[in-house]
Amino acid sequence: MADLEFLKVYWKQYVLLEKRMLDLSDYVAIHPKNYAVFSSHFISMYLTICSEIDSIADEFCKELNITEKERFGIHNKINHIVSKYSNLESWRCATKFPNEGINIVPFAKFIDNESADWWKVYNNIKHKRTERNGEQYNYELANLKNVLHALAALYMLLYKMQKEFYPDCAYACKSDLFEIVIV
């Protein structure tokens, strides 16, 4: 994929999602005290963000020359990416000022056939939205915490893909919400 196509197709979508998150932060501050806040806007964002993660992970695997069969399912895609860049599972996204300094490590639990909690919740919202998980409905898990973690994962994948495959791209992937901390 050419640099401009990458930016038009994927980065532009990320920027729209990040802007929406920052706009929502005028009403629900990005702070751990608000992690449980859920809304219809968060459901919409969550479904879109995780769909984008699946798509960008697939594109990433194509760039790594992973066959279609080998990259079937999010576990395979993320496992291929993490095995190629083993330190990616320990990278973190830190929220920037003026937001609370939140550190997110979105790929720490993507090992073998395990998924990160935010991805498990996404699947429950996608497929079983009105079922109960204990005392709450699955749709109530489309909350600030899970949306923020998913958005951090999307940013991290886009950032890493741009650095690896499009390093000469005139427009670097810079976030107004996150900064990457490489451990």
Protein backbone atom coordinates (compact mmCIF):
# COMPACT_ATOMS: atom_id res chain seq x y z
CA MET A 1 0.00 0.00 0.00
CA ALA A 2 1.38 3.40 -0.91
CA ASP A 3 2.03 6.01 1.80
CA LEU A 4 -0.85 8.22 0.75
CA GLU A 5 -3.25 5.30 0.61
CA PHE A 6 -2.24 4.29 4.14
CA LEU A 7 -2.96 7.81 5.35
CA LYS A 8 -6.22 8.20 3.45
CA VAL A 9 -7.61 4.83 4.39
CA TYR A 10 -6.43 4.16 7.93
CA TRP A 11 -4.88 7.18 9.57
CA LYS A 12 -7.75 9.49 8.59
CA GLN A 13 -10.20 7.10 10.26
CA TYR A 14 -8.08 7.02 13.42
CA VAL A 15 -7.97 10.82 13.55
CA LEU A 16 -11.77 10.95 13.34
CA LEU A 17 -12.11 8.43 16.17
CA GLU A 18 -9.58 10.23 18.33
CA LYS A 19 -11.32 13.56 17.74
CA ARG A 20 -14.61 12.00 18.77
CA MET A 21 -13.00 10.69 21.97
CA LEU A 22 -11.53 14.11 22.75
CA ASP A 23 -14.89 15.76 22.06
CA LEU A 24 -16.60 13.30 24.41
CA SER A 25 -14.00 14.11 27.06
CA ASP A 26 -15.70 17.50 27.44
CA TYR A 27 -18.60 15.54 28.99
CA VAL A 28 -16.84 12.49 30.47
CA ALA A 29 -13.31 13.29 31.61
CA ILE A 30 -10.67 10.77 30.60
CA HIS A 31 -9.92 9.63 34.12
CA PRO A 32 -9.96 6.23 35.86
CA LYS A 33 -12.81 7.42 38.10
CA ASN A 34 -14.98 7.50 34.96
CA TYR A 35 -13.93 4.13 33.52
CA ALA A 36 -17.35 2.54 34.10
CA VAL A 37 -19.28 5.25 32.23
CA PHE A 38 -21.02 3.72 29.21
CA SER A 39 -23.14 5.20 26.45
CA SER A 40 -24.51 4.64 22.97
CA HIS A 41 -21.67 6.77 21.63
CA PHE A 42 -19.16 4.46 23.28
CA ILE A 43 -20.88 1.41 21.75
CA SER A 44 -20.62 2.94 18.30
CA MET A 45 -17.00 3.96 18.80
CA TYR A 46 -16.03 0.60 20.29
CA LEU A 47 -17.47 -1.39 17.41
CA THR A 48 -15.77 0.87 14.88
CA ILE A 49 -12.40 0.93 16.66
CA CYS A 50 -12.20 -2.84 17.03
CA SER A 51 -13.25 -3.35 13.42
CA GLU A 52 -10.42 -1.01 12.42
CA ILE A 53 -8.00 -2.98 14.60
CA ASP A 54 -8.97 -6.18 12.80
CA SER A 55 -8.50 -4.49 9.41
CA ILE A 56 -5.18 -2.83 10.19
CA ALA A 57 -3.85 -6.04 11.79
CA ASP A 58 -4.72 -7.84 8.55
CA GLU A 59 -2.92 -5.18 6.47
CA PHE A 60 0.05 -5.37 8.82
CA CYS A 61 0.22 -9.16 8.36
CA LYS A 62 0.04 -8.75 4.59
CA GLU A 63 3.07 -6.46 4.80
CA LEU A 64 4.80 -9.21 6.80
CA ASN A 65 3.94 -11.70 4.02
CA ILE A 66 1.72 -13.79 6.29
CA THR A 67 -0.61 -15.97 4.22
CA GLU A 68 -4.36 -15.47 4.37
CA LYS A 69 -4.81 -18.82 6.10
CA GLU A 70 -2.16 -17.99 8.73
CA ARG A 71 -3.74 -14.63 9.51
CA PHE A 72 -7.30 -15.88 10.02
CA GLY A 73 -8.73 -14.44 13.24
CA ILE A 74 -7.51 -11.64 15.45
CA HIS A 75 -5.45 -13.99 17.65
CA ASN A 76 -3.38 -15.14 14.69
CA LYS A 77 -2.96 -11.63 13.36
CA ILE A 78 -1.84 -10.11 16.65
CA ASN A 79 0.33 -13.13 17.49
CA HIS A 80 2.18 -12.78 14.17
CA ILE A 81 2.74 -9.08 14.76
CA VAL A 82 3.84 -9.55 18.38
CA SER A 83 6.14 -12.45 17.46
CA LYS A 84 7.81 -10.25 14.83
CA TYR A 85 8.08 -7.30 17.24
CA SER A 86 8.33 -9.02 20.62
CA ASN A 87 8.65 -5.79 22.58
CA LEU A 88 5.27 -4.60 21.23
CA GLU A 89 3.49 -6.54 23.97
CA SER A 90 5.19 -4.35 26.58
CA TRP A 91 4.78 -1.01 24.78
CA ARG A 92 2.41 1.33 26.44
CA CYS A 93 0.36 4.30 25.42
CA ALA A 94 0.26 7.14 27.90
CA THR A 95 -2.50 9.71 27.73
CA LYS A 96 -1.22 13.23 27.21
CA PHE A 97 -1.93 16.32 29.27
CA PRO A 98 -4.54 17.61 30.11
CA ASN A 99 -5.93 14.10 30.48
CA GLU A 100 -5.07 12.04 33.52
CA GLY A 101 -1.74 10.28 32.97
CA ILE A 102 -3.11 6.83 32.14
CA ASN A 103 -0.75 4.09 30.99
CA ILE A 104 -2.26 1.44 28.73
CA VAL A 105 -0.50 -1.73 27.61
CA PRO A 106 -3.03 -3.00 25.04
CA PHE A 107 -1.21 -6.09 23.75
CA ALA A 108 0.13 -7.53 27.02
CA LYS A 109 -2.46 -10.30 27.13
CA PHE A 110 -2.43 -11.23 23.43
CA ILE A 111 -0.37 -14.37 23.87
CA ASP A 112 -1.07 -17.61 22.01
CA ASN A 113 -4.86 -17.98 22.02
CA GLU A 114 -5.50 -15.50 24.81
CA SER A 115 -7.04 -12.08 24.16
CA ALA A 116 -6.85 -8.78 25.94
CA ASP A 117 -9.87 -8.08 28.14
CA TRP A 118 -10.95 -5.19 25.92
CA TRP A 119 -11.10 -7.53 22.89
CA LYS A 120 -13.14 -10.17 24.77
CA VAL A 121 -15.60 -7.48 25.82
CA TYR A 122 -15.80 -6.22 22.23
CA ASN A 123 -16.86 -9.67 21.04
CA ASN A 124 -19.51 -9.88 23.74
CA ILE A 125 -20.87 -6.48 22.75
CA LYS A 126 -20.76 -7.36 19.07
CA HIS A 127 -22.42 -10.78 19.37
CA LYS A 128 -24.29 -10.78 22.71
CA ARG A 129 -24.99 -7.15 23.46
CA THR A 130 -28.14 -7.62 25.57
CA GLU A 131 -27.00 -10.68 27.50
CA ARG A 132 -26.05 -10.28 31.13
CA ASN A 133 -22.54 -10.81 32.41
CA GLY A 134 -23.15 -11.05 36.13
CA GLU A 135 -25.19 -8.05 37.17
CA GLN A 136 -24.66 -5.96 34.06
CA TYR A 137 -25.54 -6.19 30.41
CA ASN A 138 -22.71 -6.63 27.94
CA TYR A 139 -23.52 -3.30 26.30
CA GLU A 140 -22.70 -1.60 29.60
CA LEU A 141 -19.09 -2.70 29.04
CA ALA A 142 -18.85 -0.30 26.11
CA ASN A 143 -17.41 2.10 28.62
CA LEU A 144 -14.67 4.68 28.77
CA LYS A 145 -12.03 2.19 29.90
CA ASN A 146 -12.59 -0.36 27.14
CA VAL A 147 -12.98 2.23 24.40
CA LEU A 148 -9.82 4.02 25.55
CA HIS A 149 -7.84 0.75 25.62
CA ALA A 150 -9.06 -0.23 22.16
CA LEU A 151 -8.24 3.22 20.77
CA ALA A 152 -4.73 2.95 22.26
CA ALA A 153 -4.30 -0.45 20.57
CA LEU A 154 -5.39 1.00 17.23
CA TYR A 155 -3.00 3.92 17.59
CA MET A 156 -0.16 1.61 18.50
CA LEU A 157 -0.71 -0.62 15.46
CA LEU A 158 -0.92 2.36 13.11
CA TYR A 159 2.16 3.97 14.65
CA LYS A 160 4.20 0.76 14.36
CA MET A 161 3.00 0.07 10.81
CA GLN A 162 3.87 3.59 9.67
CA LYS A 163 7.35 3.40 11.25
CA GLU A 164 8.08 -0.05 9.79
CA PHE A 165 6.63 0.18 6.28
CA TYR A 166 6.27 3.89 5.50
CA PRO A 167 9.18 5.58 7.32
CA ASP A 168 9.61 8.19 4.61
CA CYS A 169 5.98 9.22 4.79
CA ALA A 170 5.86 12.99 5.07
CA TYR A 171 3.04 12.81 7.60
CA ALA A 172 3.95 10.84 10.72
CA CYS A 173 1.25 9.29 12.87
CA LYS A 174 1.01 11.72 15.76
CA SER A 175 -1.75 11.56 18.29
CA ASP A 176 -3.28 14.41 20.27
CA LEU A 177 -4.35 11.92 22.95
CA PHE A 178 -1.53 9.36 23.27
CA GLU A 179 2.19 9.06 23.28
CA ILE A 180 3.97 5.75 22.81
CA VAL A 181 6.35 4.65 25.54
CA ILE A 182 8.67 1.90 24.34
CA VAL A 183 9.86 -0.37 27.13
